[in-house]
């Protein structure tokens, strides 16, 4: 089955491999990488393929090629929220908090809501803006009993 995007299609098997890419132990990551094998050396894959491809090196803490793929995907499809979220996490753990904050701001403009608030709160907690981040997080109600 093909998943249709404005810039092309992605096979369902490639899409299904994404959630496993970050959760499976390194020794067992061959299937997602194998699913993406035909695009692994592609110099110009579609944005969704770049995002999928970036998740594997990101999960293996190989952040430079992962970030490069995500930035390229965002150049071609700037409204890809998933690419922004993964890029924020890479920039955050790499210590590039300015880039992470910029990506959070782009995410908030694209998809305001809980994910954008959590993104801003995370960056704020690392940049001395924890009070503002806490205030922003109170906009969303706590789960029942929480």
C-alpha atoms as a PDB file:
ATOM      1  CA  UNK A   1       0.000   0.000   0.000  1.00  0.00           C
ATOM      2  CA  UNK A   2       1.223   3.489  -0.823  1.00  0.00           C
ATOM      3  CA  UNK A   3       0.825   6.470   1.510  1.00  0.00           C
ATOM      4  CA  UNK A   4       0.189   9.628  -0.543  1.00  0.00           C
ATOM      5  CA  UNK A   5       1.894  12.920   0.263  1.00  0.00           C
ATOM      6  CA  UNK A   6       1.911  16.123  -1.809  1.00  0.00           C
ATOM      7  CA  UNK A   7       5.542  15.390  -2.737  1.00  0.00           C
ATOM      8  CA  UNK A   8       5.201  11.668  -3.441  1.00  0.00           C
ATOM      9  CA  UNK A   9       4.342   8.314  -1.911  1.00  0.00           C
ATOM     10  CA  UNK A  10       5.919   6.132   0.740  1.00  0.00           C
ATOM     11  CA  UNK A  11       5.405   2.413   1.010  1.00  0.00           C
ATOM     12  CA  UNK A  12       3.399   1.347   4.030  1.00  0.00           C
ATOM     13  CA  UNK A  13       6.218  -0.979   5.161  1.00  0.00           C
ATOM     14  CA  UNK A  14       8.638   1.946   5.342  1.00  0.00           C
ATOM     15  CA  UNK A  15       6.124   3.990   7.329  1.00  0.00           C
ATOM     16  CA  UNK A  16       5.542   1.104   9.746  1.00  0.00           C
ATOM     17  CA  UNK A  17       9.270   0.729  10.391  1.00  0.00           C
ATOM     18  CA  UNK A  18       9.605   4.280  11.750  1.00  0.00           C
ATOM     19  CA  UNK A  19       8.233   3.749  15.285  1.00  0.00           C
ATOM     20  CA  UNK A  20      10.565   0.799  15.797  1.00  0.00           C
ATOM     21  CA  UNK A  21      13.675   2.682  14.653  1.00  0.00           C
ATOM     22  CA  UNK A  22      14.107   4.483  17.975  1.00  0.00           C
ATOM     23  CA  UNK A  23      12.904   1.765  20.349  1.00  0.00           C
ATOM     24  CA  UNK A  24      14.591  -1.395  19.157  1.00  0.00           C
ATOM     25  CA  UNK A  25      18.031  -2.325  20.554  1.00  0.00           C
ATOM     26  CA  UNK A  26      20.881  -1.522  18.168  1.00  0.00           C
ATOM     27  CA  UNK A  27      21.479  -5.210  17.489  1.00  0.00           C
ATOM     28  CA  UNK A  28      17.948  -5.623  16.130  1.00  0.00           C
ATOM     29  CA  UNK A  29      17.715  -2.526  13.905  1.00  0.00           C
ATOM     30  CA  UNK A  30      18.480  -4.300  10.652  1.00  0.00           C
ATOM     31  CA  UNK A  31      14.821  -4.568   9.544  1.00  0.00           C
ATOM     32  CA  UNK A  32      14.103  -0.791   9.487  1.00  0.00           C
ATOM     33  CA  UNK A  33      17.436  -0.073   7.859  1.00  0.00           C
ATOM     34  CA  UNK A  34      16.819  -2.924   5.447  1.00  0.00           C
ATOM     35  CA  UNK A  35      13.407  -1.491   4.586  1.00  0.00           C
ATOM     36  CA  UNK A  36      15.082   1.799   3.717  1.00  0.00           C
ATOM     37  CA  UNK A  37      18.055   0.198   1.911  1.00  0.00           C
ATOM     38  CA  UNK A  38      16.988   1.332  -1.538  1.00  0.00           C
ATOM     39  CA  UNK A  39      16.943   4.976  -0.315  1.00  0.00           C
ATOM     40  CA  UNK A  40      19.955   4.826   1.985  1.00  0.00           C
ATOM     41  CA  UNK A  41      22.448   6.076  -0.608  1.00  0.00           C
ATOM     42  CA  UNK A  42      19.927   8.255  -2.468  1.00  0.00           C
ATOM     43  CA  UNK A  43      21.226  11.833  -2.700  1.00  0.00           C
ATOM     44  CA  UNK A  44      17.762  13.326  -3.106  1.00  0.00           C
ATOM     45  CA  UNK A  45      15.036  11.247  -1.433  1.00  0.00           C
ATOM     46  CA  UNK A  46      11.604  12.719  -0.760  1.00  0.00           C
ATOM     47  CA  UNK A  47      11.082  14.558   2.546  1.00  0.00           C
ATOM     48  CA  UNK A  48       9.205  11.685   4.246  1.00  0.00           C
ATOM     49  CA  UNK A  49      11.952   9.273   3.240  1.00  0.00           C
ATOM     50  CA  UNK A  50      14.570  11.643   4.631  1.00  0.00           C
ATOM     51  CA  UNK A  51      12.689  11.798   7.946  1.00  0.00           C
ATOM     52  CA  UNK A  52      12.437   8.016   8.076  1.00  0.00           C
ATOM     53  CA  UNK A  53      16.094   7.658   7.153  1.00  0.00           C
ATOM     54  CA  UNK A  54      17.151  10.199   9.799  1.00  0.00           C
ATOM     55  CA  UNK A  55      15.499   8.272  12.624  1.00  0.00           C
ATOM     56  CA  UNK A  56      17.952   5.375  12.440  1.00  0.00           C
ATOM     57  CA  UNK A  57      21.209   7.347  12.883  1.00  0.00           C
ATOM     58  CA  UNK A  58      19.408   9.524  15.434  1.00  0.00           C
ATOM     59  CA  UNK A  59      18.552   6.432  17.485  1.00  0.00           C
ATOM     60  CA  UNK A  60      22.185   5.343  17.211  1.00  0.00           C
ATOM     61  CA  UNK A  61      23.337   8.801  18.407  1.00  0.00           C
ATOM     62  CA  UNK A  62      24.881   9.584  15.017  1.00  0.00           C
ATOM     63  CA  UNK A  63      23.404  13.049  15.033  1.00  0.00           C
ATOM     64  CA  UNK A  64      25.261  14.792  12.194  1.00  0.00           C
ATOM     65  CA  UNK A  65      23.813  12.764   9.284  1.00  0.00           C
ATOM     66  CA  UNK A  66      20.414  12.595  10.992  1.00  0.00           C
ATOM     67  CA  UNK A  67      20.263  16.386  11.369  1.00  0.00           C
ATOM     68  CA  UNK A  68      21.445  16.889   7.782  1.00  0.00           C
ATOM     69  CA  UNK A  69      18.621  14.704   6.462  1.00  0.00           C
ATOM     70  CA  UNK A  70      16.062  16.486   8.645  1.00  0.00           C
ATOM     71  CA  UNK A  71      17.224  19.951   7.566  1.00  0.00           C
ATOM     72  CA  UNK A  72      17.097  18.874   3.919  1.00  0.00           C
ATOM     73  CA  UNK A  73      13.570  17.504   4.434  1.00  0.00           C
ATOM     74  CA  UNK A  74      12.540  20.809   6.010  1.00  0.00           C
ATOM     75  CA  UNK A  75      14.004  22.790   3.096  1.00  0.00           C
ATOM     76  CA  UNK A  76      11.773  20.815   0.717  1.00  0.00           C
ATOM     77  CA  UNK A  77       8.738  20.536   3.026  1.00  0.00           C
ATOM     78  CA  UNK A  78       8.956  23.231   5.731  1.00  0.00           C
ATOM     79  CA  UNK A  79       5.688  22.208   7.363  1.00  0.00           C
ATOM     80  CA  UNK A  80       6.819  18.723   8.385  1.00  0.00           C
ATOM     81  CA  UNK A  81       6.124  18.717  12.127  1.00  0.00           C
ATOM     82  CA  UNK A  82       7.748  15.327  12.701  1.00  0.00           C
ATOM     83  CA  UNK A  83      11.024  16.547  11.176  1.00  0.00           C
ATOM     84  CA  UNK A  84      10.930  19.588  13.456  1.00  0.00           C
ATOM     85  CA  UNK A  85      10.344  17.502  16.580  1.00  0.00           C
ATOM     86  CA  UNK A  86      13.158  15.067  15.803  1.00  0.00           C
ATOM     87  CA  UNK A  87      15.477  17.957  14.917  1.00  0.00           C
ATOM     88  CA  UNK A  88      14.661  19.657  18.239  1.00  0.00           C
ATOM     89  CA  UNK A  89      15.618  16.521  20.131  1.00  0.00           C
ATOM     90  CA  UNK A  90      18.901  16.235  18.222  1.00  0.00           C
ATOM     91  CA  UNK A  91      19.748  19.916  18.713  1.00  0.00           C
ATOM     92  CA  UNK A  92      18.816  19.693  22.384  1.00  0.00           C
ATOM     93  CA  UNK A  93      21.042  16.714  23.180  1.00  0.00           C
ATOM     94  CA  UNK A  94      23.823  18.167  21.020  1.00  0.00           C
ATOM     95  CA  UNK A  95      23.694  21.396  23.031  1.00  0.00           C
ATOM     96  CA  UNK A  96      22.631  23.604  20.117  1.00  0.00           C
ATOM     97  CA  UNK A  97      19.845  25.251  22.079  1.00  0.00           C
ATOM     98  CA  UNK A  98      19.494  28.232  19.738  1.00  0.00           C
ATOM     99  CA  UNK A  99      18.723  25.919  16.811  1.00  0.00           C
ATOM    100  CA  UNK A 100      16.424  23.848  19.019  1.00  0.00           C
ATOM    101  CA  UNK A 101      14.559  26.976  20.102  1.00  0.00           C
ATOM    102  CA  UNK A 102      14.177  28.096  16.491  1.00  0.00           C
ATOM    103  CA  UNK A 103      12.750  24.697  15.542  1.00  0.00           C
ATOM    104  CA  UNK A 104      10.342  24.875  18.514  1.00  0.00           C
ATOM    105  CA  UNK A 105       9.174  28.297  17.358  1.00  0.00           C
ATOM    106  CA  UNK A 106       8.585  26.939  13.850  1.00  0.00           C
ATOM    107  CA  UNK A 107       6.652  24.027  15.341  1.00  0.00           C
ATOM    108  CA  UNK A 108       4.506  26.395  17.443  1.00  0.00           C
ATOM    109  CA  UNK A 109       3.662  28.450  14.350  1.00  0.00           C
ATOM    110  CA  UNK A 110       2.827  25.289  12.407  1.00  0.00           C
ATOM    111  CA  UNK A 111       1.009  23.274  15.081  1.00  0.00           C
ATOM    112  CA  UNK A 112       0.245  25.191  18.268  1.00  0.00           C
ATOM    113  CA  UNK A 113      -0.718  22.972  21.147  1.00  0.00           C
ATOM    114  CA  UNK A 114       0.683  20.580  23.687  1.00  0.00           C
ATOM    115  CA  UNK A 115       3.663  19.326  21.634  1.00  0.00           C
ATOM    116  CA  UNK A 116       4.749  22.904  20.879  1.00  0.00           C
ATOM    117  CA  UNK A 117       4.330  23.921  24.544  1.00  0.00           C
ATOM    118  CA  UNK A 118       6.314  20.884  25.714  1.00  0.00           C
ATOM    119  CA  UNK A 119       9.000  21.711  23.163  1.00  0.00           C
ATOM    120  CA  UNK A 120       9.261  25.306  24.401  1.00  0.00           C
ATOM    121  CA  UNK A 121       9.222  24.177  28.044  1.00  0.00           C
ATOM    122  CA  UNK A 122      12.046  21.737  27.439  1.00  0.00           C
ATOM    123  CA  UNK A 123      14.238  24.358  25.790  1.00  0.00           C
ATOM    124  CA  UNK A 124      13.232  26.955  28.379  1.00  0.00           C
ATOM    125  CA  UNK A 125      14.297  24.652  31.186  1.00  0.00           C
ATOM    126  CA  UNK A 126      17.787  24.502  29.681  1.00  0.00           C
ATOM    127  CA  UNK A 127      18.160  28.189  28.840  1.00  0.00           C
ATOM    128  CA  UNK A 128      17.144  29.845  32.091  1.00  0.00           C
ATOM    129  CA  UNK A 129      13.529  30.431  31.099  1.00  0.00           C
ATOM    130  CA  UNK A 130      12.056  27.705  33.298  1.00  0.00           C
ATOM    131  CA  UNK A 131       9.525  30.056  34.934  1.00  0.00           C
ATOM    132  CA  UNK A 132       8.073  31.095  31.576  1.00  0.00           C
ATOM    133  CA  UNK A 133       8.070  27.464  30.470  1.00  0.00           C
ATOM    134  CA  UNK A 134       6.196  26.415  33.591  1.00  0.00           C
ATOM    135  CA  UNK A 135       3.615  29.138  33.050  1.00  0.00           C
ATOM    136  CA  UNK A 136       3.133  28.037  29.437  1.00  0.00           C
ATOM    137  CA  UNK A 137       2.647  24.428  30.511  1.00  0.00           C
ATOM    138  CA  UNK A 138      -0.220  25.432  32.843  1.00  0.00           C
ATOM    139  CA  UNK A 139      -2.299  26.370  29.826  1.00  0.00           C
ATOM    140  CA  UNK A 140      -2.990  22.649  29.405  1.00  0.00           C
ATOM    141  CA  UNK A 141      -5.059  20.864  32.046  1.00  0.00           C
ATOM    142  CA  UNK A 142      -3.498  18.075  34.074  1.00  0.00           C
ATOM    143  CA  UNK A 143      -4.805  14.563  33.461  1.00  0.00           C
ATOM    144  CA  UNK A 144      -7.517  13.440  35.870  1.00  0.00           C
ATOM    145  CA  UNK A 145      -6.001  12.349  39.162  1.00  0.00           C
ATOM    146  CA  UNK A 146      -2.596  13.825  38.163  1.00  0.00           C
END
